[in-house]
Amino acid sequence: MSPNFRTMKRLLLVRLTMAFSLLLPMHSMAVTPKKVLIITNRGCEEICKSFQQNLQSQGEASFIVRDIAGDTKKVPSIISEARSLKVDLIATWGTGVTLAVVGKHDETDPARHVTDIPVVYLYVGNPVQSKIAVDTKRSGRANIAGANTSVPVEAQVNLIKSYRDVSRVGMLFNTDEPAAVAQAAAARKQFESAQIAVDVVELPKDQDGKPQPESIARAVDELAAKKVSFIYYIGSSFMLANASLLSEAATARGLPMFTSLEATYRKGDVLLGLISPLGGIGQIGAYQAGQILFGNRKPGELDTPTLSRHSVLINMKTARQLKAYPPMKLLQFAEITN
């Protein structure tokens, strides 16, 4: 074997050894997916799915979904599971779930609430009013982030007024959910400042302190007797579960309904909606989670983003039933459903 050949052989072996040594760290540094627990209230719907899809586009993540089916008493065991699994982040769906997980900012109990794991809340209409957040710009809480996905009440009122002349609106809601009470108070204030009278019916509670579906039709009868121009939908887990019952009762009595929640609009015979698209809510929540998991940002330091685009929805089937046809100017940019 010639000296030149031996030299070339040794050089080749050195290069192969160096290349192999460079590959070793890549194998040993395989990315471990971030572990994310999502707590939902009635299954993993569009927001939940959008959140997962958009978070995975930012980095490796695995998901554990736990649904409470409207029963917040299940939350403590889920929190225990989150700690035992050492999850990297918890995403909470809705006001009730979020409050059960993190508590009110002035009533936080570390023994019951999550203070040591990052939490991103989704689909919370009024985080400040419900005391999930301290301020509209940031949560004001070290481990909590979220987005403002609610539609401004002023814009809702203006849309209703642009649809038809409105002198009175009606609201019916259950008082056992704090978010519903807060929404009703904010909406009433805005309507009255626009010189529109508001009639309110609080759904009665049973012996267990819960409203019952059969009380909805009677409440709609009360509002019909007051000759309201619109029923303004107040969101809650109970009302969403019975959205079809409510909208059908309203339509049968000749009353149009308005909602600012897409899930409610899609479930019933609601005439008019101004909504933050569900997919967009999941996307903006995923952006916040990505900042925490892959950008090394602290939840409490993140600004609270706001969805700036909203969609007008008009149900023409209901419009025909009510003989309440929309003005042409709305038809130019609304999403029409039947």
Protein backbone atom coordinates (compact mmCIF):
# COMPACT_ATOMS: atom_id res chain seq x y z
CA MET A 1 0.00 0.00 0.00
CA SER A 2 1.51 3.34 -1.05
CA PRO A 3 2.18 6.11 1.51
CA ASN A 4 -0.22 8.43 -0.32
CA PHE A 5 -3.01 5.89 -0.19
CA ARG A 6 -2.47 5.25 3.55
CA THR A 7 -2.53 9.02 4.16
CA MET A 8 -5.77 9.42 2.22
CA LYS A 9 -7.31 6.48 4.09
CA ARG A 10 -6.40 7.95 7.47
CA LEU A 11 -7.79 11.34 6.40
CA LEU A 12 -11.06 9.74 5.28
CA LEU A 13 -11.39 7.89 8.59
CA VAL A 14 -10.80 11.10 10.52
CA ARG A 15 -13.47 12.90 8.53
CA LEU A 16 -15.97 10.05 8.99
CA THR A 17 -15.27 9.99 12.72
CA MET A 18 -15.83 13.76 12.98
CA ALA A 19 -19.06 13.55 10.98
CA PHE A 20 -20.35 10.72 13.16
CA SER A 21 -19.46 12.63 16.33
CA LEU A 22 -21.45 15.61 15.05
CA LEU A 23 -24.47 13.40 14.50
CA LEU A 24 -24.44 11.98 18.02
CA PRO A 25 -25.66 15.17 19.80
CA MET A 26 -28.53 15.46 17.34
CA HIS A 27 -29.80 12.03 18.34
CA SER A 28 -29.18 12.61 22.03
CA MET A 29 -30.92 16.02 21.86
CA ALA A 30 -34.18 14.74 20.38
CA VAL A 31 -36.94 17.28 21.06
CA THR A 32 -39.32 16.32 23.85
CA PRO A 33 -42.83 17.55 23.05
CA LYS A 34 -44.29 20.09 25.43
CA LYS A 35 -47.07 18.56 27.47
CA VAL A 36 -50.31 20.59 27.31
CA LEU A 37 -53.48 19.84 29.28
CA ILE A 38 -56.70 21.29 27.87
CA ILE A 39 -59.73 21.46 30.17
CA THR A 40 -62.99 21.82 28.24
CA ASN A 41 -66.57 22.21 29.34
CA ARG A 42 -68.45 20.27 26.68
CA GLY A 43 -65.97 18.43 24.52
CA CYS A 44 -63.14 19.48 22.25
CA GLU A 45 -64.96 21.71 19.79
CA GLU A 46 -63.70 24.18 17.17
CA ILE A 47 -61.78 26.45 19.57
CA CYS A 48 -60.02 23.48 21.16
CA LYS A 49 -59.13 21.95 17.79
CA SER A 50 -57.91 25.27 16.39
CA PHE A 51 -55.78 25.78 19.51
CA GLN A 52 -54.11 22.39 19.06
CA GLN A 53 -53.50 22.81 15.36
CA ASN A 54 -52.04 26.30 15.65
CA LEU A 55 -49.86 25.43 18.64
CA GLN A 56 -48.40 22.40 16.87
CA SER A 57 -47.44 24.66 13.96
CA GLN A 58 -45.13 26.52 16.36
CA GLY A 59 -43.37 23.55 17.95
CA GLU A 60 -43.66 20.01 19.24
CA ALA A 61 -46.61 19.58 21.62
CA SER A 62 -48.66 16.68 22.93
CA PHE A 63 -52.17 17.18 24.27
CA ILE A 64 -54.24 15.75 27.07
CA VAL A 65 -57.90 16.77 26.90
CA ARG A 66 -60.14 16.52 29.95
CA ASP A 67 -63.81 17.49 29.73
CA ILE A 68 -65.85 18.39 32.82
CA ALA A 69 -69.26 18.23 31.06
CA GLY A 70 -70.47 21.31 32.94
CA ASP A 71 -69.43 20.02 36.38
CA THR A 72 -66.69 22.18 37.91
CA LYS A 73 -66.46 19.73 40.84
CA LYS A 74 -64.31 17.61 38.53
CA VAL A 75 -61.64 20.29 38.28
CA PRO A 76 -59.66 19.54 41.50
CA SER A 77 -58.88 15.98 40.39
CA ILE A 78 -57.80 17.28 36.96
CA ILE A 79 -55.48 19.79 38.64
CA SER A 80 -53.98 16.94 40.65
CA GLU A 81 -53.47 14.99 37.44
CA ALA A 82 -51.80 18.00 35.80
CA ARG A 83 -49.30 18.22 38.64
CA SER A 84 -48.57 14.49 38.66
CA LEU A 85 -48.03 14.51 34.89
CA LYS A 86 -45.86 17.64 35.20
CA VAL A 87 -47.58 19.36 32.31
CA ASP A 88 -45.91 22.41 30.80
CA LEU A 89 -49.11 24.40 30.31
CA ILE A 90 -52.85 24.26 31.02
CA ALA A 91 -55.42 25.72 28.61
CA THR A 92 -58.87 26.42 30.08
CA TRP A 93 -62.09 26.78 28.10
CA GLY A 94 -64.63 29.31 29.34
CA THR A 95 -65.10 31.46 32.42
CA GLY A 96 -66.40 28.74 34.74
CA VAL A 97 -63.57 26.32 34.03
CA THR A 98 -60.95 29.06 34.25
CA LEU A 99 -62.21 30.33 37.61
CA ALA A 100 -62.25 26.79 38.97
CA VAL A 101 -58.63 26.35 37.89
CA VAL A 102 -57.05 29.70 38.84
CA GLY A 103 -59.61 31.34 41.13
CA LYS A 104 -60.37 35.08 41.31
CA HIS A 105 -57.30 37.26 41.50
CA ASP A 106 -58.30 38.52 44.96
CA GLU A 107 -59.32 35.10 46.30
CA THR A 108 -56.56 32.78 45.06
CA ASP A 109 -55.87 29.74 47.21
CA PRO A 110 -52.62 27.93 46.26
CA ALA A 111 -53.98 24.78 47.91
CA ARG A 112 -56.91 24.68 45.45
CA HIS A 113 -55.88 26.81 42.49
CA VAL A 114 -53.08 26.57 39.96
CA THR A 115 -50.36 29.11 40.69
CA ASP A 116 -47.26 27.11 39.66
CA ILE A 117 -48.14 26.08 36.07
CA PRO A 118 -48.66 28.46 33.13
CA VAL A 119 -52.35 28.83 32.25
CA VAL A 120 -53.81 30.26 29.03
CA TYR A 121 -57.55 30.91 29.12
CA LEU A 122 -59.74 30.56 26.03
CA TYR A 123 -63.24 31.85 25.30
CA VAL A 124 -63.55 34.07 28.37
CA GLY A 125 -65.81 37.00 27.54
CA ASN A 126 -65.07 39.34 30.43
CA PRO A 127 -61.85 38.32 32.18
CA VAL A 128 -61.60 41.55 34.17
CA GLN A 129 -65.22 41.58 35.30
CA SER A 130 -65.00 37.93 36.32
CA LYS A 131 -61.72 38.71 38.18
CA ILE A 132 -59.67 36.25 36.17
CA ALA A 133 -57.50 39.18 35.07
CA VAL A 134 -56.62 42.36 36.91
CA ASP A 135 -56.41 44.58 33.83
CA THR A 136 -57.43 44.60 30.18
CA LYS A 137 -53.85 45.05 28.94
CA ARG A 138 -52.26 42.18 30.90
CA SER A 139 -53.59 39.53 33.25
CA GLY A 140 -51.70 40.97 36.21
CA ARG A 141 -51.07 37.41 37.43
CA ALA A 142 -47.68 35.73 37.14
CA ASN A 143 -48.81 32.40 35.63
CA ILE A 144 -51.84 33.49 33.60
CA ALA A 145 -52.27 34.77 30.04
CA GLY A 146 -55.23 35.00 27.71
CA ALA A 147 -56.88 37.00 24.98
CA ASN A 148 -59.77 39.43 24.76
CA THR A 149 -62.07 37.66 22.32
CA SER A 150 -65.36 39.35 23.19
CA VAL A 151 -67.17 41.58 20.70
CA PRO A 152 -67.45 45.17 22.00
CA VAL A 153 -70.95 45.69 23.40
CA GLU A 154 -71.23 49.06 21.68
CA ALA A 155 -70.72 47.37 18.30
CA GLN A 156 -73.40 44.81 19.16
CA VAL A 157 -75.91 47.51 20.05
CA ASN A 158 -75.13 49.44 16.88
CA LEU A 159 -75.71 46.35 14.73
CA ILE A 160 -79.07 45.65 16.35
CA LYS A 161 -80.11 49.26 15.79
CA SER A 162 -79.02 49.09 12.16
CA TYR A 163 -81.20 46.00 11.57
CA ARG A 164 -84.48 47.53 12.73
CA ASP A 165 -85.93 50.25 14.97
CA VAL A 166 -85.44 49.13 18.54
CA SER A 167 -87.12 50.64 21.58
CA ARG A 168 -86.94 47.70 24.01
CA VAL A 169 -84.76 44.63 24.30
CA GLY A 170 -85.25 41.63 26.51
CA MET A 171 -82.76 39.47 28.37
CA LEU A 172 -83.21 36.18 30.18
CA PHE A 173 -80.39 34.45 31.98
CA ASN A 174 -79.41 32.22 34.87
CA THR A 175 -77.84 33.90 37.87
CA ASP A 176 -75.81 30.89 39.05
CA GLU A 177 -73.03 31.66 36.54
CA PRO A 178 -71.05 34.84 37.35
CA ALA A 179 -70.11 35.45 33.71
CA ALA A 180 -73.79 35.66 32.72
CA VAL A 181 -74.53 38.20 35.46
CA ALA A 182 -71.54 40.32 34.42
CA GLN A 183 -72.49 40.20 30.73
CA ALA A 184 -76.07 41.20 31.47
CA ALA A 185 -74.95 44.18 33.56
CA ALA A 186 -72.53 45.42 30.89
CA ALA A 187 -75.07 45.02 28.08
CA ARG A 188 -77.85 46.70 30.04
CA LYS A 189 -75.65 49.72 30.69
CA GLN A 190 -74.81 50.04 26.99
CA PHE A 191 -78.42 49.68 25.82
CA GLU A 192 -79.69 52.24 28.30
CA SER A 193 -76.99 54.70 27.28
CA ALA A 194 -78.35 54.30 23.73
CA GLN A 195 -81.85 55.18 25.01
CA ILE A 196 -83.10 51.61 24.62
CA ALA A 197 -85.18 50.17 27.47
CA VAL A 198 -84.20 46.77 28.88
CA ASP A 199 -86.52 44.14 30.34
CA VAL A 200 -84.80 41.39 32.33
CA VAL A 201 -86.08 37.97 33.37
CA GLU A 202 -83.91 35.96 35.76
CA LEU A 203 -84.56 32.25 35.38
CA PRO A 204 -85.81 30.69 38.62
CA LYS A 205 -83.68 28.08 40.37
CA ASP A 206 -84.74 24.66 41.56
CA GLN A 207 -84.09 23.27 45.05
CA ASP A 208 -80.47 22.56 44.05
CA GLY A 209 -79.93 26.18 43.03
CA LYS A 210 -79.93 25.42 39.29
CA PRO A 211 -82.20 26.68 36.48
CA GLN A 212 -84.33 24.22 34.53
CA PRO A 213 -84.93 24.14 30.75
CA GLU A 214 -88.72 24.24 31.16
CA SER A 215 -88.46 27.74 32.64
CA ILE A 216 -87.14 29.17 29.36
CA ALA A 217 -90.46 29.17 27.47
CA ARG A 218 -92.19 30.92 30.39
CA ALA A 219 -89.45 33.54 30.45
CA VAL A 220 -89.86 34.15 26.70
CA ASP A 221 -93.61 34.56 27.29
CA GLU A 222 -92.85 37.31 29.82
CA LEU A 223 -90.65 39.13 27.34
CA ALA A 224 -93.22 38.78 24.56
CA ALA A 225 -95.84 40.33 26.83
CA LYS A 226 -93.53 43.33 27.29
CA LYS A 227 -93.34 43.70 23.48
CA VAL A 228 -89.56 43.72 23.24
CA SER A 229 -88.03 44.33 19.80
CA PHE A 230 -85.18 41.85 20.23
CA ILE A 231 -84.05 39.20 22.69
CA TYR A 232 -80.41 39.80 23.52
CA TYR A 233 -78.70 36.50 24.28
CA ILE A 234 -76.76 36.27 27.56
CA GLY A 235 -74.15 33.55 27.34
CA SER A 236 -73.65 30.79 29.89
CA SER A 237 -73.08 27.05 29.87
CA PHE A 238 -76.75 26.49 30.71
CA MET A 239 -78.06 28.78 28.00
CA LEU A 240 -75.72 27.38 25.37
CA ALA A 241 -76.87 23.86 26.19
CA ASN A 242 -80.44 25.08 25.65
CA ALA A 243 -79.80 27.50 22.78
CA SER A 244 -82.10 25.65 20.38
CA LEU A 245 -84.91 25.61 22.94
CA LEU A 246 -84.54 29.34 23.53
CA SER A 247 -84.31 30.40 19.89
CA GLU A 248 -87.23 28.18 18.85
CA ALA A 249 -89.38 29.62 21.66
CA ALA A 250 -88.45 33.16 20.61
CA THR A 251 -89.18 32.56 16.92
CA ALA A 252 -92.51 30.89 17.72
CA ARG A 253 -93.53 34.08 19.56
CA GLY A 254 -92.37 36.37 16.79
CA LEU A 255 -89.28 37.61 18.62
CA PRO A 256 -85.93 37.96 16.85
CA MET A 257 -82.76 37.03 18.75
CA PHE A 258 -79.27 38.48 18.70
CA THR A 259 -76.07 36.79 19.89
CA SER A 260 -72.38 37.61 20.02
CA LEU A 261 -71.41 33.93 20.35
CA GLU A 262 -70.92 31.81 17.23
CA ALA A 263 -71.71 28.53 18.99
CA THR A 264 -75.16 29.85 19.95
CA TYR A 265 -75.87 31.12 16.45
CA ARG A 266 -74.95 27.80 14.86
CA LYS A 267 -77.15 25.78 17.22
CA GLY A 268 -80.47 27.56 16.92
CA ASP A 269 -82.83 29.83 14.98
CA VAL A 270 -81.00 33.01 15.99
CA LEU A 271 -81.72 35.83 13.52
CA LEU A 272 -78.65 38.00 13.94
CA GLY A 273 -75.11 37.61 15.22
CA LEU A 274 -71.92 39.61 15.55
CA ILE A 275 -69.23 37.15 16.49
CA SER A 276 -65.55 36.47 16.99
CA PRO A 277 -64.95 33.38 14.82
CA LEU A 278 -64.26 30.30 16.94
CA GLY A 279 -61.22 29.32 14.91
CA GLY A 280 -59.71 32.76 15.49
CA ILE A 281 -60.17 32.39 19.25
CA GLY A 282 -58.24 29.12 19.21
CA GLN A 283 -55.54 30.67 17.03
CA ILE A 284 -54.94 33.67 19.26
CA GLY A 285 -54.84 31.43 22.34
CA ALA A 286 -52.29 29.19 20.63
CA TYR A 287 -50.14 32.22 19.86
CA GLN A 288 -50.00 33.05 23.56
CA ALA A 289 -49.25 29.45 24.50
CA GLY A 290 -46.49 29.33 21.88
CA GLN A 291 -44.87 32.43 23.33
CA ILE A 292 -44.75 30.70 26.71
CA LEU A 293 -43.70 27.21 25.61
CA PHE A 294 -41.32 28.00 22.74
CA GLY A 295 -40.44 31.65 23.26
CA ASN A 296 -39.52 31.42 26.94
CA ARG A 297 -41.94 34.22 27.80
CA LYS A 298 -43.58 34.50 31.20
CA PRO A 299 -47.42 34.43 31.09
CA GLY A 300 -47.89 37.49 33.27
CA GLU A 301 -45.61 39.57 31.04
CA LEU A 302 -47.60 38.92 27.86
CA ASP A 303 -49.91 41.60 26.52
CA THR A 304 -53.56 40.62 26.18
CA PRO A 305 -54.26 40.53 22.42
CA THR A 306 -57.65 41.46 21.00
CA LEU A 307 -59.44 40.02 18.00
CA SER A 308 -59.96 43.00 15.72
CA ARG A 309 -62.14 41.31 13.09
CA HIS A 310 -65.72 40.24 13.71
CA SER A 311 -68.34 38.70 11.45
CA VAL A 312 -72.00 39.60 10.92
CA LEU A 313 -74.28 36.55 10.61
CA ILE A 314 -77.87 36.62 9.36
CA ASN A 315 -80.19 33.61 9.34
CA MET A 316 -82.51 34.11 6.34
CA LYS A 317 -84.69 31.15 7.29
CA THR A 318 -85.51 32.85 10.57
CA ALA A 319 -85.84 36.23 8.85
CA ARG A 320 -88.52 34.78 6.57
CA GLN A 321 -90.34 33.17 9.49
CA LEU A 322 -90.38 36.44 11.39
CA LYS A 323 -90.91 38.59 8.29
CA ALA A 324 -87.95 40.61 9.56
CA TYR A 325 -85.87 41.02 6.43
CA PRO A 326 -82.43 42.61 6.75
CA PRO A 327 -81.60 45.97 5.19
CA MET A 328 -79.61 45.80 1.97
CA LYS A 329 -76.56 47.49 3.49
CA LEU A 330 -76.11 44.54 5.87
CA LEU A 331 -76.52 41.97 3.12
CA GLN A 332 -73.50 43.44 1.35
CA PHE A 333 -71.05 42.10 3.93
CA ALA A 334 -72.94 39.64 6.18
CA GLU A 335 -72.57 35.88 6.11
CA ILE A 336 -75.99 34.52 5.13
CA THR A 337 -77.19 31.17 6.45
CA ASN A 338 -80.42 29.26 6.00
